[in-house]
Amino acid sequence: MLTGTVKFFDDTKGFGFILADDNQEEIFVHQTGLIHEIQEGDRVQFNLKTGKKGPNAVDVTRLQ
């Protein structure tokens, strides 16, 4: 699993972006890929899945 920090997440629209630790890439995240609720600044762990426009974060869990 990869780790990163939530850069942006809009609860009303149900999507946001995670800044990956390994390469500082912005990864798209949709609410359907969440295991825990997330908000800006949260440290998270996630897997990658190929989406229509590039990589998507899935199985997103908030780290303590």
Protein backbone atom coordinates (compact mmCIF):
# COMPACT_ATOMS: atom_id res chain seq x y z
CA MET A 1 0.00 0.00 0.00
CA LEU A 2 1.04 3.58 -0.64
CA THR A 3 0.88 6.50 1.78
CA GLY A 4 0.16 10.17 1.35
CA THR A 5 -1.59 13.28 2.63
CA VAL A 6 -5.05 14.47 1.64
CA LYS A 7 -4.47 17.69 -0.30
CA PHE A 8 -8.14 18.44 -0.92
CA PHE A 9 -11.47 16.66 -0.39
CA ASP A 10 -14.94 18.07 -1.07
CA ASP A 11 -17.59 16.18 0.94
CA THR A 12 -20.47 17.66 -1.05
CA LYS A 13 -19.02 16.63 -4.42
CA GLY A 14 -17.51 13.40 -3.08
CA PHE A 15 -14.00 13.64 -4.48
CA GLY A 16 -10.56 15.07 -3.87
CA PHE A 17 -6.83 14.49 -4.25
CA ILE A 18 -4.12 12.77 -2.25
CA LEU A 19 -0.48 13.86 -2.49
CA ALA A 20 1.53 10.62 -2.65
CA ASP A 21 4.61 10.41 -0.41
CA ASP A 22 6.83 8.54 -2.88
CA ASN A 23 6.66 10.87 -5.90
CA GLN A 24 4.51 13.85 -4.82
CA GLU A 25 1.97 12.92 -7.53
CA GLU A 26 -1.62 14.09 -7.03
CA ILE A 27 -3.88 11.02 -7.01
CA PHE A 28 -7.62 11.37 -7.59
CA VAL A 29 -9.85 9.92 -4.87
CA HIS A 30 -13.62 9.38 -5.04
CA GLN A 31 -15.84 8.73 -2.04
CA THR A 32 -16.56 5.21 -3.33
CA GLY A 33 -12.86 4.38 -2.73
CA LEU A 34 -12.95 5.36 0.95
CA ILE A 35 -12.95 3.01 3.90
CA HIS A 36 -12.76 5.89 6.42
CA GLU A 37 -13.99 9.45 6.05
CA ILE A 38 -11.14 11.81 5.17
CA GLN A 39 -10.47 15.51 5.26
CA GLU A 40 -7.73 17.88 4.17
CA GLY A 41 -4.44 17.22 5.97
CA ASP A 42 -5.21 13.61 6.95
CA ARG A 43 -2.43 11.04 6.55
CA VAL A 44 -3.78 8.09 4.55
CA GLN A 45 -2.84 4.70 3.19
CA PHE A 46 -4.25 3.53 -0.16
CA ASN A 47 -3.99 1.30 -3.21
CA LEU A 48 -4.01 2.43 -6.83
CA LYS A 49 -6.52 1.46 -9.50
CA THR A 50 -6.45 2.65 -13.12
CA GLY A 51 -9.36 4.97 -13.87
CA LYS A 52 -10.64 6.69 -17.00
CA LYS A 53 -8.30 9.68 -16.55
CA GLY A 54 -5.40 8.05 -14.73
CA PRO A 55 -4.69 6.49 -11.34
CA ASN A 56 -7.37 6.51 -8.64
CA ALA A 57 -6.85 5.92 -4.93
CA VAL A 58 -8.95 3.04 -3.57
CA ASP A 59 -9.17 1.25 -0.19
CA VAL A 60 -8.30 4.59 1.42
CA THR A 61 -7.79 4.34 5.19
CA ARG A 62 -6.91 7.17 7.56
CA LEU A 63 -3.70 6.66 9.54
CA GLN A 64 -3.54 7.58 13.22
